[in-house]
Amino acid sequence: MKKDQIYGIGAALVDTEVVVSDAFLQKKGIEKGVMTLVDESRQAELIQAFTADKHHLMKKSGGSACNTVIAAANFGANTVFSGKVAADAVDTNGAGDMFAGAFLYAVTAGRDLKWAAELANESDARVVGQFGPRFDAIEFDSIRQKLGI
């Protein structure tokens, strides 16, 4: 049985790559040579413009953890990636602490890495969806119930 060598944990993102002209960039107010994060309405506007101009959209998994795991897998490592999808951030204060605390709890409680990552992702996604870095007892109970703790 193969043993995993690398377990990546990070945001499950999708990168969209499109080849366009400098004129298109200027017309749409996009700076050349930089990564740009956009909200849903701007994304929809740009995708419509790409489609209308018959540009080819190439979508790939993204995020540094995911891309690292993919690269290692392509070189032959046994890898696993765990990511949380669609956690819209309201306040990122305490997100890293919540993730680390949940992950460390799971590992010290004897859980496997996959389960630890699931708990950490669930906890992190919830804490960034509220103001402030701490949960109340009801939120902790909700996570415990969802994951059977």
Foldseek 3Di string as FASTA:
>chain_A
DDDADEEFEDAWDKDKDWDDDPVVCVVLVHDPPDDDDDDPVSVVVVVVVCVVVVIDIDIDTDDPRVVVQVVVVVVPGRYHYDHDYDLDFPAQVQLVVQLVVQLVVCVVVPHDNVLSSVLSRVRSSVQRNDPDNDDDPVVVVVSCVVSVD
